[in-house]
Amino acid sequence: MDKRAFFIQGDSLLLPVNTPDSQIESGLLFELSKYFKNADIFDAPELDNSPDMISVVSVPVTAVPPENWKTIPVRTILSMFSVSGGNPNRIIRACHLAQWRWNSRFCGTCGAKNEDVPMQTQRICPKCGRTEFPRICPAVIVLITDDKNRILLAHNKRFKARVYSHISGFNEAGETLEETVVREIREEVDIEVKDIVYIKSQPWPFPSSLMLGFKARYSSGTIKPDGDEIEDAKWFTKDDLPDLPGEGSLSRHLINSWLNETL
C-alpha cells in the first residue's frame, strides 16, 4: 500500500486543487512531498495503541505552494466532516504537532538545536538534556443561559462580522477551570454565574489549545462588554439568533445542544 501523508501549512491543509473531498481524511500520496524542499517531514504515533503512524509533511508558512495546489483551513474541514461524517482527529493531531515542531526546533533553556526522540512526540536537547512535549493550553468556553431560557452570546473583535459565540478564555496558572469560567465571564461581560457544569472537550490546534466546554446559569449583574476583546454581548432567544460559529466546533455543539434541549 502506498504511503500517505497530511500536508500541513500553518493551520491549513495543503492539497492539489483536484483532490476530491472523499480523500481528505486519508491524506495524499507521500511521494508528493518531493515538491516541498524545506518541509519538516515526520511520523507521529497514533493515539489508539496501534502500531500505525501518522505521516506529516509540514510546509513553512512562508513557502509558496506549487501551481494548482490549494489550502483548506482545518476549521473548514471540521465543518465539512460534521456534515459528511468524516473523522478529523488525525488531521487535528497532524496540525497540532506540525505547529509544535516548528516552534520547538531549539531548546528553550540553552538555545541548542533539539533532537527528536524516536517513536515519540518528544524532543530533547543534546546539550543540557531539557525535554519538550507538545504544548497544550487549556481554555474554557461557556454556554450561559438565564431563567427566560435565553442564551448569552458575544461578538469578539477577532470574529467575522455579525458572528456571535460564547465567552471563552485561557486557564491561568494556579486556577481551577471553574474559577476560569467565573473570571472570564466577569472580565469580559461583567456578570456573575452559578451552577457551573462541565459538558465536553475538543482538541483545538488554533493554536495548541484544548477547549473545555461548560454550561452556567446567569446569577446577577448587567451585561457590559469589556471593549477590549468583546465588542458586543446580549441575550438571544431560539427564534432570534445571530450568525453562529461553524459546525464541527465545540461552540456550535453547545449552541445546538441548547437549541435541541439536550443540555
Protein backbone atom coordinates (compact mmCIF):
# COMPACT_ATOMS: atom_id res chain seq x y z
CA MET A 1 0.00 0.00 0.00
CA ASP A 2 1.35 3.42 -0.97
CA LYS A 3 2.32 5.60 1.98
CA ARG A 4 0.04 8.59 2.56
CA ALA A 5 0.60 11.81 4.47
CA PHE A 6 -1.10 15.00 5.55
CA PHE A 7 0.44 18.16 4.09
CA ILE A 8 0.13 20.96 6.64
CA GLN A 9 0.90 24.65 6.27
CA GLY A 10 0.17 26.70 9.39
CA ASP A 11 -3.36 25.77 10.45
CA SER A 12 -4.40 24.66 6.96
CA LEU A 13 -4.25 21.51 4.88
CA LEU A 14 -2.37 21.67 1.56
CA LEU A 15 -3.59 19.60 -1.37
CA PRO A 16 -3.93 19.65 -5.16
CA VAL A 17 -6.98 21.56 -6.35
CA ASN A 18 -8.50 18.46 -7.95
CA THR A 19 -8.41 16.38 -4.75
CA PRO A 20 -11.92 15.06 -4.01
CA ASP A 21 -13.32 15.68 -0.53
CA SER A 22 -13.56 11.91 -0.03
CA GLN A 23 -9.74 11.66 0.02
CA ILE A 24 -9.07 14.40 2.57
CA GLU A 25 -9.42 12.06 5.55
CA SER A 26 -6.86 9.56 4.21
CA GLY A 27 -4.20 12.09 3.15
CA LEU A 28 -2.16 12.40 -0.03
CA LEU A 29 0.42 10.12 -1.59
CA PHE A 30 3.67 10.69 0.27
CA GLU A 31 5.61 10.94 -2.99
CA LEU A 32 4.09 14.41 -3.48
CA SER A 33 6.45 15.62 -0.74
CA LYS A 34 9.10 15.99 -3.47
CA TYR A 35 7.52 19.37 -4.30
CA PHE A 36 8.41 20.80 -0.88
CA LYS A 37 12.18 21.09 -0.41
CA ASN A 38 12.22 22.74 3.04
CA ALA A 39 9.38 20.79 4.66
CA ASP A 40 9.61 19.20 8.09
CA ILE A 41 8.70 15.57 7.38
CA PHE A 42 7.89 13.34 10.34
CA ASP A 43 5.82 10.41 11.59
CA ALA A 44 3.70 10.64 14.74
CA PRO A 45 2.27 7.70 16.69
CA GLU A 46 -1.47 7.10 16.51
CA LEU A 47 -3.38 7.51 19.76
CA ASP A 48 -5.27 4.19 19.67
CA ASN A 49 -2.33 1.96 20.74
CA SER A 50 -1.97 0.68 17.18
CA PRO A 51 1.45 0.40 15.52
CA ASP A 52 0.33 2.76 12.76
CA MET A 53 1.86 6.20 12.34
CA ILE A 54 0.51 9.50 11.05
CA SER A 55 2.83 10.82 8.36
CA VAL A 56 3.06 14.60 8.07
CA VAL A 57 4.70 16.96 5.60
CA SER A 58 4.86 20.30 7.40
CA VAL A 59 5.45 23.16 4.97
CA PRO A 60 6.79 26.55 6.16
CA VAL A 61 4.10 29.23 6.25
CA THR A 62 6.31 31.41 4.05
CA ALA A 63 6.51 28.82 1.28
CA VAL A 64 4.51 29.39 -1.91
CA PRO A 65 2.53 26.24 -2.80
CA PRO A 66 3.08 24.72 -6.25
CA GLU A 67 0.78 25.72 -9.06
CA ASN A 68 -2.62 24.01 -8.92
CA TRP A 69 -2.39 23.42 -5.15
CA LYS A 70 -4.72 24.98 -2.59
CA THR A 71 -5.05 25.37 1.17
CA ILE A 72 -8.12 24.49 3.22
CA PRO A 73 -8.28 25.77 6.81
CA VAL A 74 -8.59 22.89 9.26
CA ARG A 75 -11.55 24.77 10.79
CA THR A 76 -13.32 24.40 7.44
CA ILE A 77 -12.55 20.68 7.40
CA LEU A 78 -14.16 20.32 10.83
CA SER A 79 -17.34 21.84 9.43
CA MET A 80 -17.17 19.62 6.33
CA PHE A 81 -16.71 16.47 8.37
CA SER A 82 -19.56 17.35 10.74
CA VAL A 83 -21.84 17.09 7.70
CA SER A 84 -20.18 14.21 5.84
CA GLY A 85 -19.44 12.11 8.93
CA GLY A 86 -15.67 12.10 8.44
CA ASN A 87 -13.26 11.86 11.37
CA PRO A 88 -10.95 14.89 11.71
CA ASN A 89 -8.91 13.57 14.66
CA ARG A 90 -5.83 12.53 12.67
CA ILE A 91 -5.79 15.84 10.79
CA ILE A 92 -6.13 17.79 14.05
CA ARG A 93 -3.24 15.81 15.54
CA ALA A 94 -1.11 16.39 12.45
CA CYS A 95 -1.84 20.13 12.54
CA HIS A 96 -1.08 20.47 16.25
CA LEU A 97 2.19 18.54 16.08
CA ALA A 98 3.34 20.32 12.93
CA GLN A 99 2.98 23.71 14.61
CA TRP A 100 4.66 22.47 17.79
CA ARG A 101 7.65 21.15 15.86
CA TRP A 102 8.24 24.49 14.11
CA ASN A 103 8.13 26.23 17.50
CA SER A 104 10.35 23.74 19.30
CA ARG A 105 13.31 23.49 16.96
CA PHE A 106 15.61 24.99 19.59
CA CYS A 107 15.96 24.41 23.31
CA GLY A 108 14.15 26.99 25.42
CA THR A 109 16.86 26.81 28.09
CA CYS A 110 20.21 26.94 26.29
CA GLY A 111 19.28 27.55 22.64
CA ALA A 112 20.83 24.38 21.22
CA LYS A 113 19.03 22.60 18.39
CA ASN A 114 16.64 19.97 19.74
CA GLU A 115 16.69 16.35 18.64
CA ASP A 116 13.73 14.03 18.12
CA VAL A 117 13.09 11.08 20.43
CA PRO A 118 12.40 8.09 18.11
CA MET A 119 8.79 6.86 18.02
CA GLN A 120 7.70 9.57 20.48
CA THR A 121 6.12 13.02 20.31
CA GLN A 122 9.03 14.33 22.34
CA ARG A 123 12.19 16.34 21.78
CA ILE A 124 15.36 16.52 23.83
CA CYS A 125 18.22 18.98 23.93
CA PRO A 126 21.55 17.20 23.32
CA LYS A 127 23.41 19.91 25.25
CA CYS A 128 21.50 20.39 28.52
CA GLY A 129 19.09 17.46 28.42
CA ARG A 130 15.90 19.53 28.59
CA THR A 131 12.92 17.57 27.27
CA GLU A 132 9.96 19.09 25.50
CA PHE A 133 6.49 17.77 24.72
CA PRO A 134 3.72 19.29 22.60
CA ARG A 135 2.29 22.38 24.21
CA ILE A 136 -1.39 22.09 25.16
CA CYS A 137 -3.15 25.16 26.58
CA PRO A 138 -6.49 24.55 28.35
CA ALA A 139 -9.22 27.06 27.60
CA VAL A 140 -12.84 27.20 28.76
CA ILE A 141 -15.87 28.01 26.64
CA VAL A 142 -19.18 28.56 28.40
CA LEU A 143 -22.83 28.24 27.46
CA ILE A 144 -24.58 30.87 29.62
CA THR A 145 -28.37 30.80 29.99
CA ASP A 146 -30.89 32.69 32.12
CA ASP A 147 -34.27 31.94 33.68
CA LYS A 148 -36.04 33.07 30.49
CA ASN A 149 -34.27 30.32 28.50
CA ARG A 150 -32.16 32.84 26.64
CA ILE A 151 -28.52 32.36 25.71
CA LEU A 152 -25.78 34.93 26.13
CA LEU A 153 -23.61 35.34 23.03
CA ALA A 154 -20.87 37.85 22.33
CA HIS A 155 -19.06 39.30 19.35
CA ASN A 156 -15.29 39.24 19.75
CA LYS A 157 -13.19 41.69 17.74
CA ARG A 158 -11.40 38.73 16.14
CA PHE A 159 -14.64 37.21 14.81
CA LYS A 160 -16.08 37.72 11.36
CA ALA A 161 -18.66 40.48 11.14
CA ARG A 162 -22.03 39.61 12.72
CA VAL A 163 -20.78 36.30 14.19
CA TYR A 164 -21.51 35.76 17.88
CA SER A 165 -20.33 32.97 20.15
CA HIS A 166 -19.77 32.06 23.80
CA ILE A 167 -17.48 33.67 26.33
CA SER A 168 -14.18 31.79 26.39
CA GLY A 169 -10.66 32.19 27.69
CA PHE A 170 -7.45 30.51 28.76
CA ASN A 171 -6.89 28.92 32.14
CA GLU A 172 -4.30 30.74 34.27
CA ALA A 173 -1.58 29.20 36.43
CA GLY A 174 -2.91 28.24 39.87
CA GLU A 175 -6.53 28.46 38.76
CA THR A 176 -9.21 25.76 38.58
CA LEU A 177 -11.28 25.52 35.43
CA GLU A 178 -14.38 26.60 37.35
CA GLU A 179 -12.52 29.67 38.55
CA THR A 180 -11.53 30.40 34.96
CA VAL A 181 -15.20 30.29 33.95
CA VAL A 182 -16.15 32.83 36.62
CA ARG A 183 -13.19 35.13 35.94
CA GLU A 184 -13.51 35.21 32.14
CA ILE A 185 -17.23 35.96 32.29
CA ARG A 186 -16.69 38.66 34.89
CA GLU A 187 -13.82 40.24 32.92
CA GLU A 188 -15.47 40.16 29.50
CA VAL A 189 -19.16 40.93 30.20
CA ASP A 190 -19.24 41.89 33.92
CA ILE A 191 -21.87 39.43 35.13
CA GLU A 192 -21.86 36.61 37.70
CA VAL A 193 -22.85 32.99 37.07
CA LYS A 194 -23.74 29.92 39.12
CA ASP A 195 -24.36 26.17 38.65
CA ILE A 196 -21.20 25.63 36.58
CA VAL A 197 -21.17 22.16 34.97
CA TYR A 198 -18.59 20.58 32.66
CA ILE A 199 -20.00 19.29 29.33
CA LYS A 200 -17.26 18.04 26.97
CA SER A 201 -13.89 18.92 25.41
CA GLN A 202 -12.38 19.34 21.95
CA PRO A 203 -8.75 19.49 20.77
CA TRP A 204 -8.33 22.87 19.05
CA PRO A 205 -4.91 23.49 17.45
CA PHE A 206 -5.51 27.16 16.63
CA PRO A 207 -3.04 27.21 18.23
CA SER A 208 -2.20 24.45 20.72
CA SER A 209 -5.45 24.56 22.69
CA LEU A 210 -7.75 22.11 24.41
CA MET A 211 -11.25 23.61 24.62
CA LEU A 212 -13.24 22.60 27.70
CA GLY A 213 -16.96 23.21 27.38
CA PHE A 214 -19.10 24.23 30.34
CA LYS A 215 -22.61 25.45 30.96
CA ALA A 216 -23.57 28.00 33.62
CA ARG A 217 -26.61 29.93 34.77
CA TYR A 218 -26.83 33.71 35.00
CA SER A 219 -26.78 34.87 38.62
CA SER A 220 -26.51 38.67 38.74
CA GLY A 221 -25.22 41.81 37.07
CA THR A 222 -25.82 43.81 33.89
CA ILE A 223 -24.04 42.88 30.66
CA LYS A 224 -21.17 45.26 29.96
CA PRO A 225 -18.72 44.26 27.19
CA ASP A 226 -15.11 44.95 28.15
CA GLY A 227 -14.47 46.88 24.91
CA ASP A 228 -11.07 45.21 24.61
CA GLU A 229 -11.87 41.73 23.32
CA ILE A 230 -15.68 41.86 23.39
CA GLU A 231 -17.39 44.50 21.26
CA ASP A 232 -20.98 43.43 21.91
CA ALA A 233 -22.85 40.90 24.02
CA LYS A 234 -26.55 40.28 24.53
CA TRP A 235 -29.24 37.72 25.31
CA PHE A 236 -30.75 35.79 22.41
CA THR A 237 -33.83 33.60 22.11
CA LYS A 238 -34.09 30.50 19.95
CA ASP A 239 -36.15 32.44 17.41
CA ASP A 240 -33.75 35.37 17.13
CA LEU A 241 -30.17 34.13 16.79
CA PRO A 242 -27.23 35.95 15.13
CA ASP A 243 -24.72 34.38 12.76
CA LEU A 244 -23.14 31.45 14.60
CA PRO A 245 -19.78 29.64 14.63
CA GLY A 246 -19.28 26.89 12.07
CA GLU A 247 -20.47 23.32 12.55
CA GLY A 248 -17.85 20.97 13.94
CA SER A 249 -16.71 23.38 16.64
CA LEU A 250 -17.40 22.89 20.34
CA SER A 251 -19.02 26.33 20.43
CA ARG A 252 -21.57 25.26 17.83
CA HIS A 253 -22.11 21.94 19.62
CA LEU A 254 -23.05 23.80 22.80
CA ILE A 255 -25.46 26.06 20.91
CA ASN A 256 -27.04 23.12 19.06
CA SER A 257 -27.43 21.21 22.33
CA TRP A 258 -29.22 24.20 23.85
CA LEU A 259 -31.45 24.52 20.79
CA ASN A 260 -32.31 20.81 20.93
CA GLU A 261 -32.78 20.94 24.71
CA THR A 262 -30.26 18.15 25.30
CA LEU A 263 -28.31 20.08 27.94
